Amino acid sequence: MRRFAFLAVALIAAPAFGQDFSNPRAVVETLYAGYGPAYDFPPDPSPLFSERLKGLFEADAREADGEIGRIDFDPINGQDYQVTALEIAEPYLAGGRAVVRVSFENMGMPNEVGLLLVQEAEGWKIDDVWNGGEEYSYDLLDILQAPPR
């Protein structure tokens, strides 16, 4: 199932991430560490998001008015998770932006996603996530900026 819970996770009371915004790879490592066996629910990922991405999630939640909005997924490509074989590539840096490729298996299914990070006052923050898989592809910003369902 390709349903995720970015918004639901953000609303669940969970332990905070140890936050290191000093480099893009550290931010991505922090995000995926929340899907390790130590967590029943991943911590709220919103501190890792850019101001733009946070604003889009907040607007989506307001428009959804308590219902599921445009996004009902996490960056692990499933509601349930058992992430293994996690590989986070070295970032490609250019002009205050970074792209990081992440590959992993979730519940035995291979996945590859890309993350765009931008530099903000606090350091590197996630600004977009995409999956270009054959079976299912998405771009988080495209989904969040689309008209409400």
Foldseek 3Di string as FASTA:
>chain_A
DQFAALPVQLPDDDDDFPDDQADDLRLVVRQCVQQAPVHPGRHNSVVQADPVVVVLSVVQCVVCVPHDWLHGRDLQRDHDFDKDPWDKDDWDDDDQKTKIWIWIATVNRTFIKIWIWGQDPVHIHTYWMWGPDPVDIDIVVVSSPDDID
